[in-house]
Structures are given as C-alpha cells and as structure tokens.
Protein backbone atom coordinates (compact mmCIF):
# COMPACT_ATOMS: atom_id res chain seq x y z
CA MET A 1 110.27 58.03 100.79
CA PHE A 2 106.91 59.31 99.53
CA LYS A 3 108.22 60.91 96.33
CA GLU A 4 106.54 58.58 93.82
CA LYS A 5 103.18 58.71 95.62
CA ILE A 6 103.26 62.51 95.87
CA GLY A 7 104.15 62.86 92.19
CA ALA A 8 101.39 60.47 91.11
CA PHE A 9 98.80 62.22 93.29
CA ILE A 10 99.52 65.70 91.96
CA ASP A 11 99.65 64.49 88.35
CA ALA A 12 96.31 62.70 88.78
CA HIS A 13 94.68 65.81 90.28
CA LEU A 14 96.32 68.44 88.04
CA ASP A 15 93.21 69.22 85.97
CA GLU A 16 91.19 69.61 89.17
CA MET A 17 93.86 71.91 90.60
CA LEU A 18 93.75 74.11 87.50
CA GLN A 19 89.95 74.28 87.74
CA ASP A 20 90.24 75.45 91.35
CA ILE A 21 92.80 78.10 90.38
CA CYS A 22 90.46 79.31 87.64
CA GLU A 23 87.56 79.48 90.09
CA LEU A 24 89.51 81.82 92.36
CA CYS A 25 90.92 83.86 89.47
CA ARG A 26 87.43 84.57 88.12
CA VAL A 27 86.81 86.67 91.24
CA ASN A 28 88.04 90.25 91.01
CA SER A 29 89.77 90.53 94.38
CA GLU A 30 91.24 94.00 93.99
CA LYS A 31 91.05 95.99 97.21
CA MET A 32 87.84 98.04 97.39
CA PRO A 33 86.19 100.25 100.03
CA ALA A 34 85.35 98.39 103.22
CA GLU A 35 81.83 97.21 103.95
CA GLU A 36 80.36 95.45 106.98
CA ASP A 37 82.41 92.29 107.69
CA MET A 38 84.34 92.98 104.48
CA PRO A 39 87.44 94.99 105.45
CA PHE A 40 88.77 95.07 101.89
CA GLY A 41 85.51 95.12 99.97
CA PRO A 42 83.10 92.55 98.52
CA GLY A 43 85.42 91.12 95.85
CA VAL A 44 88.13 90.17 98.32
CA ALA A 45 85.49 88.78 100.71
CA GLU A 46 84.00 86.63 97.95
CA CYS A 47 87.41 85.24 97.03
CA LEU A 48 88.25 84.38 100.63
CA ASP A 49 84.87 82.68 101.13
CA THR A 50 85.36 80.71 97.91
CA ALA A 51 88.83 79.53 98.95
CA LEU A 52 87.69 78.49 102.42
CA ASP A 53 84.67 76.64 100.99
CA MET A 54 87.08 74.88 98.63
CA ALA A 55 89.27 73.78 101.54
CA ASP A 56 86.22 72.74 103.57
CA GLY A 57 85.20 70.52 100.68
CA TYR A 58 88.52 68.69 100.89
CA GLY A 59 87.99 67.94 104.57
CA PHE A 60 90.23 70.59 106.12
CA LYS A 61 89.42 72.66 109.19
CA THR A 62 89.11 76.32 108.20
CA THR A 63 88.93 79.55 110.19
CA ASP A 64 87.90 83.04 109.08
CA TYR A 65 89.64 85.83 111.00
CA ASP A 66 87.04 88.61 110.67
CA GLY A 67 87.38 88.72 106.89
CA TYR A 68 91.06 89.69 107.08
CA VAL A 69 92.62 86.24 106.77
CA GLY A 70 91.53 82.65 106.34
CA SER A 71 93.41 79.60 107.59
CA VAL A 72 93.40 75.96 106.56
CA ASP A 73 94.75 73.37 109.02
CA LEU A 74 95.90 69.91 107.98
CA ASN A 75 95.40 68.37 111.44
CA GLU A 76 94.88 69.16 115.12
CA LEU A 77 98.53 68.71 116.14
CA PRO A 78 100.80 71.57 117.29
CA ARG A 79 101.77 73.86 114.41
CA GLN A 80 105.22 73.44 112.95
CA LEU A 81 104.88 75.11 109.55
CA ASP A 82 102.83 77.99 108.14
CA ILE A 83 102.47 78.57 104.41
CA LEU A 84 101.62 82.22 103.91
CA ALA A 85 99.89 83.09 100.61
CA HIS A 86 97.49 85.82 99.51
CA LEU A 87 94.28 86.09 97.51
CA ASP A 88 94.15 89.83 96.79
CA VAL A 89 95.44 91.08 93.45
CA VAL A 90 96.71 94.30 91.90
CA PRO A 91 94.32 96.17 89.58
CA ALA A 92 93.63 94.49 86.25
CA GLY A 93 95.21 97.24 84.17
CA GLU A 94 95.14 97.48 80.39
CA GLY A 95 96.87 95.77 77.48
CA TRP A 96 95.66 92.19 77.95
CA THR A 97 95.83 90.16 74.73
CA VAL A 98 95.46 86.45 75.57
CA THR A 99 92.32 86.75 77.69
CA ARG A 100 90.49 89.22 79.89
CA PRO A 101 91.98 89.70 83.36
CA PHE A 102 89.31 87.78 85.26
CA GLU A 103 88.54 85.17 82.60
CA PRO A 104 91.38 82.70 83.19
CA VAL A 105 92.34 80.31 80.40
CA VAL A 106 94.79 77.44 80.04
CA LYS A 107 96.69 77.76 76.77
CA ASN A 108 100.00 76.37 75.49
CA GLY A 109 101.05 75.02 78.86
CA LYS A 110 100.28 78.24 80.72
CA ILE A 111 97.35 79.50 82.77
CA TYR A 112 96.60 83.17 82.09
CA GLY A 113 94.70 85.65 84.25
CA ARG A 114 95.16 88.13 87.07
CA GLY A 115 96.34 86.24 90.14
CA THR A 116 97.41 83.03 88.39
CA ALA A 117 101.02 83.64 89.46
CA ASP A 118 100.51 86.25 92.18
CA ASP A 119 99.36 84.56 94.31
CA LYS A 120 96.22 82.44 93.79
CA GLY A 121 97.97 79.79 91.68
CA PRO A 122 100.68 79.17 94.30
CA ALA A 123 98.06 79.26 97.09
CA VAL A 124 96.09 76.47 95.42
CA ALA A 125 99.31 74.55 94.75
CA ALA A 126 99.95 74.68 98.51
CA LEU A 127 96.38 73.50 99.19
CA TYR A 128 96.93 70.54 96.86
CA ALA A 129 100.21 69.75 98.57
CA MET A 130 98.24 69.51 101.81
CA ARG A 131 95.64 67.35 100.04
CA ALA A 132 98.37 65.00 98.87
CA VAL A 133 99.81 64.62 102.37
CA LYS A 134 96.34 64.16 103.86
CA GLU A 135 94.86 61.77 101.30
CA LEU A 136 98.05 59.71 101.01
CA ARG A 137 98.01 59.46 104.82
CA ILE A 138 101.62 60.49 105.13
CA PRO A 139 102.28 60.33 108.90
CA LEU A 140 102.90 63.68 110.57
CA LYS A 141 103.88 64.64 114.10
CA LYS A 142 103.04 68.34 113.66
CA ASN A 143 100.52 70.53 111.85
CA VAL A 144 100.88 72.68 108.77
CA ARG A 145 98.60 75.68 108.28
CA LEU A 146 97.89 77.45 105.01
CA ILE A 147 97.26 81.12 105.76
CA LEU A 148 95.29 82.99 103.09
CA GLY A 149 95.82 86.74 103.34
CA THR A 150 93.78 89.41 101.59
CA ASP A 151 95.78 92.67 101.75
CA GLU A 152 99.32 91.79 100.69
CA GLU A 153 99.31 94.20 97.75
CA CYS A 154 98.23 97.24 99.77
CA GLY A 155 100.06 97.18 103.07
CA SER A 156 99.56 93.77 104.73
CA SER A 157 97.15 95.03 107.38
CA ASP A 158 95.52 91.59 107.09
CA ILE A 159 98.57 89.83 108.48
CA ALA A 160 98.97 92.41 111.23
CA HIS A 161 95.40 91.55 112.28
CA TYR A 162 96.11 87.82 112.14
CA TYR A 163 99.29 87.96 114.20
CA SER A 164 97.56 90.13 116.79
CA VAL A 165 95.61 87.00 117.78
CA GLU A 166 97.86 84.13 116.60
CA LYS A 167 101.49 83.27 117.24
CA GLU A 168 104.01 82.63 114.50
CA ALA A 169 104.69 79.01 113.66
CA PRO A 170 108.29 77.87 114.26
CA MET A 171 108.76 77.96 110.46
CA THR A 172 106.99 79.93 107.72
CA PHE A 173 107.40 80.15 103.98
CA SER A 174 105.57 82.29 101.47
CA PRO A 175 105.14 81.01 97.88
CA ASP A 176 105.08 84.56 96.58
CA ALA A 177 108.51 85.00 95.00
CA SER A 178 110.83 82.65 93.14
CA TYR A 179 112.90 79.57 93.79
CA PRO A 180 115.23 78.47 95.24
CA VAL A 181 114.92 80.24 98.67
CA VAL A 182 114.90 83.96 99.44
CA ASN A 183 116.22 84.11 103.00
CA VAL A 184 117.45 87.72 103.01
CA GLU A 185 115.32 90.81 102.40
CA LYS A 186 116.83 94.26 102.45
CA GLY A 187 115.63 96.89 104.87
CA ARG A 188 113.77 99.91 103.59
CA LEU A 189 113.86 103.64 104.07
CA PRO A 190 110.84 105.27 102.41
CA GLY A 191 112.22 108.79 102.60
CA HIS A 192 109.98 111.86 102.72
CA PHE A 193 111.47 115.34 102.61
CA THR A 194 110.20 118.91 102.40
CA VAL A 195 111.53 122.43 101.96
CA ARG A 196 109.75 125.76 102.35
CA PHE A 197 111.02 129.05 100.91
CA GLU A 198 109.89 132.50 99.79
CA ALA A 199 108.05 132.51 96.47
CA SER A 200 109.41 134.47 93.53
CA GLU A 201 107.52 135.72 90.47
CA GLU A 202 110.60 136.96 88.64
CA LEU A 203 111.00 135.62 85.10
CA PRO A 204 112.17 133.26 83.73
CA ARG A 205 110.73 130.95 86.38
CA LEU A 206 109.83 127.38 87.21
CA VAL A 207 106.10 127.32 87.84
CA SER A 208 105.70 123.73 89.06
CA ILE A 209 106.75 120.09 88.88
CA GLN A 210 104.42 117.13 89.27
CA ALA A 211 106.13 113.77 89.00
CA GLY A 212 105.73 110.24 90.28
CA THR A 213 102.83 107.87 90.95
CA LYS A 214 103.91 105.73 93.95
CA ILE A 215 106.93 105.78 96.21
CA ASN A 216 108.00 102.30 95.11
CA VAL A 217 107.79 102.99 91.37
CA ILE A 218 110.47 104.76 89.34
CA PRO A 219 108.57 107.18 87.10
CA GLY A 220 108.78 106.78 83.36
CA LYS A 221 107.38 110.30 82.92
CA ALA A 222 107.77 113.62 84.73
CA LYS A 223 106.36 117.05 83.93
CA ALA A 224 107.35 120.64 84.66
CA THR A 225 105.70 123.92 83.77
CA ILE A 226 107.95 126.92 83.10
CA GLU A 227 107.51 130.52 82.02
CA GLY A 228 109.76 132.96 80.20
CA ILE A 229 112.19 130.70 78.30
CA GLU A 230 112.12 130.33 74.52
CA VAL A 231 111.45 126.87 73.10
CA GLU A 232 114.65 127.15 71.06
CA THR A 233 116.66 127.46 74.30
CA LEU A 234 114.77 124.52 75.76
CA GLU A 235 115.43 122.33 72.74
CA ARG A 236 119.15 123.11 72.69
CA ASN A 237 119.60 122.23 76.36
CA ALA A 238 117.30 119.21 76.04
CA ALA A 239 119.41 117.76 73.23
CA GLN A 240 122.50 117.96 75.40
CA THR A 241 120.68 116.45 78.39
CA GLU A 242 119.20 113.64 76.32
CA ALA A 243 122.64 112.75 74.98
CA GLU A 244 123.91 112.45 78.57
CA THR A 245 120.94 110.77 80.23
CA GLY A 246 118.92 108.96 77.58
CA ILE A 247 115.82 110.86 78.75
CA HIS A 248 113.65 112.23 75.92
CA PHE A 249 112.04 115.66 76.27
CA SER A 250 109.03 117.23 74.57
CA PHE A 251 107.58 120.74 74.87
CA VAL A 252 104.00 121.99 74.60
CA PRO A 253 103.35 125.78 74.68
CA GLU A 254 100.22 126.69 76.63
CA ASP A 255 99.29 130.39 76.91
CA ASN A 256 102.40 132.04 78.40
CA PHE A 257 103.80 128.77 79.72
CA VAL A 258 105.63 125.74 78.35
CA ILE A 259 104.95 122.24 79.67
CA ILE A 260 108.05 120.03 79.60
CA THR A 261 107.57 116.27 79.59
CA ALA A 262 110.52 114.04 80.37
CA GLU A 263 110.21 110.42 79.27
CA GLY A 264 112.45 107.66 80.59
CA ARG A 265 111.73 104.07 81.58
CA GLY A 266 109.79 102.98 84.63
CA ALA A 267 110.86 100.22 87.01
CA HIS A 268 110.27 98.94 90.52
CA ALA A 269 112.13 100.94 93.14
CA SER A 270 113.88 97.80 94.39
CA THR A 271 115.63 97.48 91.00
CA PRO A 272 116.30 101.10 89.97
CA GLU A 273 119.09 100.07 87.63
CA GLU A 274 116.43 98.57 85.34
CA GLY A 275 114.78 101.95 84.78
CA ASN A 276 115.76 105.40 83.56
CA ASN A 277 114.41 107.91 86.06
CA ALA A 278 112.37 110.69 84.47
CA ILE A 279 112.49 112.83 87.65
CA THR A 280 116.27 112.98 87.85
CA GLY A 281 116.48 113.44 84.10
CA LEU A 282 114.05 116.37 84.29
CA LEU A 283 116.04 117.99 87.11
CA THR A 284 119.22 117.62 85.07
CA LEU A 285 117.61 119.68 82.31
CA LEU A 286 116.10 122.28 84.65
CA CYS A 287 119.46 122.89 86.32
CA ARG A 288 120.80 123.97 82.92
CA LEU A 289 118.08 126.49 82.13
CA PRO A 290 118.55 130.26 82.63
CA PHE A 291 116.01 130.81 85.40
CA ALA A 292 116.05 134.02 87.43
CA PRO A 293 117.95 133.46 90.69
CA CYS A 294 115.66 132.48 93.57
CA ALA A 295 115.44 130.17 96.57
CA GLN A 296 113.32 127.65 94.66
CA ILE A 297 115.97 127.11 91.96
CA ASP A 298 118.71 126.91 94.60
CA VAL A 299 116.81 124.10 96.31
CA ILE A 300 116.23 122.28 93.00
CA LYS A 301 119.96 122.35 92.30
CA LYS A 302 120.78 121.05 95.79
CA ILE A 303 118.29 118.18 95.44
CA ALA A 304 119.71 117.32 92.02
CA ALA A 305 123.21 117.26 93.49
CA LEU A 306 122.18 114.91 96.32
CA MET A 307 120.27 112.53 94.01
CA PRO A 308 121.85 113.01 90.56
CA HIS A 309 120.71 111.18 87.46
CA GLY A 310 122.17 107.69 87.27
CA ASP A 311 123.06 107.49 90.97
CA VAL A 312 120.95 104.51 92.04
CA ASN A 313 123.09 103.59 95.08
CA GLY A 314 122.91 106.70 97.28
CA THR A 315 126.51 107.62 96.51
CA ALA A 316 126.00 111.39 96.56
CA LEU A 317 124.02 111.09 99.80
CA GLY A 318 126.93 109.26 101.41
CA VAL A 319 125.26 105.88 101.98
CA ASP A 320 126.58 103.67 99.17
CA MET A 321 127.34 100.33 100.86
CA GLU A 322 127.05 96.61 100.25
CA ASP A 323 127.59 93.24 101.87
CA GLU A 324 127.96 89.67 100.71
CA LEU A 325 124.58 88.55 102.09
CA SER A 326 122.30 91.12 100.50
CA GLY A 327 124.27 93.10 97.95
CA ARG A 328 124.37 96.84 97.39
CA LEU A 329 122.15 99.59 98.76
CA THR A 330 119.77 101.09 96.21
CA LEU A 331 118.10 104.48 96.32
CA ALA A 332 115.46 105.70 93.89
CA PHE A 333 114.03 109.24 93.71
CA THR A 334 110.37 108.51 92.93
CA MET A 335 108.02 111.39 93.84
CA LEU A 336 108.37 115.16 93.49
CA THR A 337 106.04 118.12 93.78
CA VAL A 338 107.45 121.63 93.35
CA GLU A 339 105.41 124.81 93.76
CA ALA A 340 106.23 128.48 94.13
CA ALA A 341 106.98 128.29 97.87
CA GLY A 342 107.78 124.68 98.59
CA VAL A 343 109.06 121.25 97.60
CA ASP A 344 107.73 117.86 98.69
CA GLY A 345 109.61 114.74 97.63
CA GLU A 346 110.01 111.04 98.31
CA PHE A 347 112.66 108.43 97.67
CA ASP A 348 112.76 104.67 98.21
CA SER A 349 115.98 103.12 99.54
CA ARG A 350 116.50 99.36 99.92
CA VAL A 351 119.15 98.79 102.58
CA PRO A 352 121.47 95.76 102.89
CA VAL A 353 121.94 93.81 106.10
CA CYS A 354 124.97 95.96 107.01
CA GLY A 355 122.79 99.10 106.96
CA ASN A 356 121.03 100.61 109.96
CA GLU A 357 119.61 103.87 111.24
CA GLY A 358 123.05 105.08 112.25
CA ASN A 359 124.84 104.61 108.94
CA VAL A 360 121.91 105.21 106.59
CA LEU A 361 119.06 107.28 108.06
CA LYS A 362 121.29 109.52 110.16
CA VAL A 363 123.73 110.13 107.30
CA ILE A 364 121.02 111.02 104.80
CA LYS A 365 119.28 113.26 107.32
CA GLU A 366 122.51 115.15 108.08
CA ASN A 367 123.46 115.59 104.43
CA MET A 368 119.98 116.84 103.55
CA GLU A 369 119.89 119.21 106.52
CA ALA A 370 123.24 120.65 105.41
CA ALA A 371 121.50 121.57 102.15
CA GLY A 372 118.49 123.08 103.96
CA ILE A 373 116.25 120.08 103.25
CA VAL A 374 114.18 118.49 106.02
CA LEU A 375 113.97 114.68 106.04
CA LEU A 376 110.83 113.82 107.99
CA ASN A 377 111.67 110.17 108.74
CA GLU A 378 112.50 109.22 112.32
CA GLY A 379 113.01 105.50 111.68
CA MET A 380 113.39 102.86 108.98
CA ILE A 381 112.42 99.24 108.34
CA GLY A 382 115.29 96.93 109.22
CA PRO A 383 116.56 94.10 107.01
CA HIS A 384 115.42 90.48 107.38
CA HIS A 385 117.75 87.47 107.50
CA VAL A 386 117.16 83.78 108.19
CA ASP A 387 120.17 81.47 108.55
CA GLY A 388 120.72 79.74 105.22
CA ASP A 389 122.29 76.76 106.98
CA SER A 390 119.29 76.07 109.22
CA VAL A 391 117.46 72.74 109.05
CA PHE A 392 114.41 74.63 107.77
CA VAL A 393 116.14 76.24 104.79
CA ARG A 394 118.21 73.15 103.96
CA THR A 395 115.02 71.05 103.90
CA LEU A 396 113.32 73.47 101.52
CA LEU A 397 116.35 73.49 99.24
CA LYS A 398 116.47 69.68 99.24
CA ALA A 399 112.80 69.52 98.19
CA TYR A 400 113.44 72.03 95.41
CA GLU A 401 116.48 70.14 94.15
CA THR A 402 114.65 66.80 94.28
CA TRP A 403 111.81 67.91 92.03
CA SER A 404 113.45 70.53 89.82
CA GLY A 405 116.74 68.76 89.20
CA GLU A 406 118.45 72.12 89.67
CA LYS A 407 121.00 73.13 92.30
CA GLY A 408 119.41 75.17 95.07
CA GLY A 409 120.85 78.08 96.99
CA CYS A 410 119.90 81.09 99.07
CA GLU A 411 119.17 84.46 97.51
CA SER A 412 118.45 88.00 98.66
CA THR A 413 115.92 90.52 97.40
CA GLY A 414 115.42 94.24 97.54
CA GLY A 415 111.68 93.68 97.59
CA GLY A 416 109.68 92.89 100.68
CA THR A 417 107.41 89.87 101.19
CA TYR A 418 104.82 88.75 103.70
CA VAL A 419 107.54 87.15 105.86
CA HIS A 420 109.71 90.24 106.34
CA ASP A 421 108.72 90.64 109.99
CA LEU A 422 108.61 86.94 110.86
CA LYS A 423 111.54 85.58 112.85
CA ASN A 424 111.90 82.38 110.81
CA GLY A 425 110.17 83.21 107.54
CA VAL A 426 111.47 82.86 103.98
CA ALA A 427 110.07 83.20 100.48
CA PHE A 428 109.98 79.87 98.62
CA GLY A 429 108.64 79.72 95.06
CA ALA A 430 106.50 79.49 93.20
CA SER A 431 108.16 80.97 90.09
CA MET A 432 111.06 79.08 88.58
CA PRO A 433 114.33 80.97 88.05
CA GLY A 434 114.37 82.93 84.82
CA THR A 435 110.59 82.89 84.34
CA ASP A 436 108.91 86.27 83.89
CA ASN A 437 105.30 85.63 84.89
CA LYS A 438 104.31 89.23 84.10
CA MET A 439 103.13 89.71 87.67
CA HIS A 440 101.32 93.04 88.05
CA GLY A 441 101.29 93.42 84.25
CA ALA A 442 99.04 92.48 81.35
CA ASP A 443 98.81 88.79 80.41
CA GLU A 444 99.98 87.55 83.82
CA PHE A 445 100.48 83.78 83.66
CA ALA A 446 101.77 80.76 85.54
CA VAL A 447 103.42 77.80 83.83
CA VAL A 448 101.25 74.73 84.48
CA GLU A 449 104.27 72.45 84.86
CA HIS A 450 105.75 74.82 87.44
CA LEU A 451 102.55 74.90 89.48
CA ALA A 452 102.42 71.09 89.49
CA MET A 453 106.09 70.94 90.48
CA SER A 454 105.46 73.46 93.27
CA ALA A 455 102.66 71.33 94.70
CA LYS A 456 105.07 68.37 94.77
CA ILE A 457 107.85 70.45 96.31
CA PHE A 458 105.53 71.81 98.99
CA ALA A 459 104.18 68.33 99.79
CA GLN A 460 107.67 66.96 100.27
CA ALA A 461 108.61 69.94 102.46
CA ILE A 462 105.51 69.37 104.62
CA ALA A 463 106.28 65.66 104.97
CA GLU A 464 109.88 66.28 106.02
CA LEU A 465 109.37 69.31 108.25
CA CYS A 466 106.24 68.05 110.01
CA GLY A 467 106.85 64.28 109.91
C-alpha cells in the first residue's frame, strides 16, 4: 500500500543516509578500557552519543542505558518490534587499500570503511526506515524500537545489561547477517580440556606447542619446539604429512632446538570446512616423529586420534549428527598449549537443533575421560529456533521478496547473533545473498544499492508488523 511512497522517500534521502553512515564510521568504536560512564571506552561512547544525537535530530525519542545501549523509539505506543543493531566494530587491522579504516568513502557504488557493513550501515538503514514511516505518517498501532548496542563483537554484555531492565518485544530482528531470514542458529560448545602428567627430559623430546589465537578462529599457523631430531628426519616426515594434509611445514634451528611452523588456512570456527587447520596438521606430523616414549607424547597421540586432521564434524569424538533444520554438527580444534608437564586445549563445536548436553557434551566428556583427558565444561549453549511459518517470519520474507525480486526462505547458521537468546528473534539482512562484504577484514564495504533496499525492506516490515 505504501510501497511507492517508501521507495521515493528512501531514494530522495539516500545521499543524506550515506552521510550519516560516514559520520558514524569516522568514529573508531573498537572496544577499549572502561572509563567513567564509558563501559567500553571513549570511542564507543562517542559513537553512541553521535548516533543518539542523530536520532534526536530526526524527532525520535532516545534513551541512553548507562552507556551500554541506546534506544530510538518511533512513537509512544506499546512495543511490537525491536530492531537490534550494534555500533561497536572489530579492530581496524592491516591491508586496507581503498581507504583508511576510519575514513569512509563512497566509490563505484560501494561505501568503504570499518563498520559500513557490520553494523553501522545497517543500523542507519533501519533509522531511515523509521524516518520514512514517521515522515510519511504511515499509521501504526504499535511501536518499533531501534536498539543500538555497543559490545556485540566482544561478548554482548551490553545487551545483557539492557535486558536486565527492559523486556523483549514480541518480535525482534537484527540486521547483522544476510537475507533472506536466519531463523535457526546452532548451539555452541566452547570446549576446554586439560591434562597433567609427569615431565620427561629424555631425548628426542617435544619441548612445547603454542598454537591458536581465539577459540572461534581456526589457526592458519601453529608452532612446536623440539629437541634431538635431525632436520633431515623432520623434512622426510613433513613431506609425507604435507602430501596427506596440505599443511606446509618449515624448520628453523635455534641452539639445540628446532622450531617447526605448520602453515594451513585460517577460517571461522563455524565454517571449519573452509580452512585447513594448522593445529591438527602439526599434530599429524608430531605423531610420526621418533620421540622418546613418555606420557606427554602418549597424550598428544590420544588428542590427535580424537580430533584428527580433516575431521570437522566430531566424528572421532562420537558426536557427528545433523538435522534438516540446521545441518551438520561442526567441531574445530582451535587452541593448544603443550608444555613438559601439561596440555591445555580448546575446541569450538557448533551444534544442530537435534544436539543437546546428553548427546553432545556428555559423549565428548566420556570419550575424552576414557583417554585420560579432562573436559572442564559443565554445560553448553543451546540452539535457537524461531518458527519459519510464523506471521513474523512470513512478513519479513514478503518484504524481502517485494523489494529484492528474489524468492525468500529461511536459513540456518553456525554463527551466533544478537538474537540467539531472544524467544522470537531472527537475523534479517542487511547483506544480500552472495555478497562478501569483507566484514572483519580489510576494505570492508557495503553496497549502496543494498543499503537503500534494506531501508525500504525494513520500512515495509515496520508498516506491516506494527500497523
């Protein structure tokens, strides 16, 4: 009913919308040490203040929740819909070529800069959707609230603070993924295990392993220090291992030791099949080397058997499972520290809807304990599922189909979003299918046409869900 008016409004205000996105993206809102009234540091606080001032200027009622979250209300009616976005960003990183991270530019139909896609661009698109509904005087019976979080990238403590004082709206979507609708999110088991044993100095020996950067990142590199094995023996076994695994090995002698570096391909732990795990590749090589018998090497071989190279579905641990809603379980070995008398390791498993503590956590714990390995976890994060046939989801899909011209449908993800713990929350946009916005990488960008389309999609969804 209001399609033509919404489209005309967003098109007429597109340049202004891009200017507002650039204003927010000029602020470095990486998480920093807390200061008074700034729980995530001055950069995040500045960005939140800027966004709320922007919304104030467009005539919306805004609220600041102690610097953790800001909210923007379209009217004073009872809330029906929350739009949950975030203003914090991952670190700038290196390798930018089009512009500097916090100097956004519009070029060749794209807007480049840290946060343009994740998630400042979509947040502003949602604000402009609310502007369209407000300024076109589209009649509503309920309220929509834009919630602006500030700690999504580092644990979502912001949203925990917000929901400690506010109730969930009957419906929530987060424009922090891709279209059409993500209504299923896998559960998660961030596994942490340890083993202690008697140290051995007998040669040849494994001195140490240091591998991994974060539990949710498959390492592209892993290093071990060994003593007492000739480089020629290392190279022979490495060639065989590389042929089997695709992991490349290099060796650097240092005093009486040799440092082994395994190089694979990094990936996010939710998509381990896209990487080539340097940890498991390194263990494959170490299990072939002629170390003196000891408890440490026995443990290494048991760990390698439970999480062998190429097993990204927990098969060896006895938890390989899948369902039609959310797909197959994934398990990625991501962190490992080995010393003379102990091992400390972590893995990241994304669990389908059919998984639970009984058939995943308990099974892994029992299989590790049988190998003398202690899994420290006592619980796991359950999966999230919203009915794909609900009025809410069908309305979102209709809005997407209306403006994109593409068929909509429900999808699942191994990643987690802001809505994982919300009863009726889904991820909805703002990336179009098949678009790699380089989120979290250098030269992050959003397609201008997609941001404009998102504002139109969101406006239609607001009109239909709250009208």
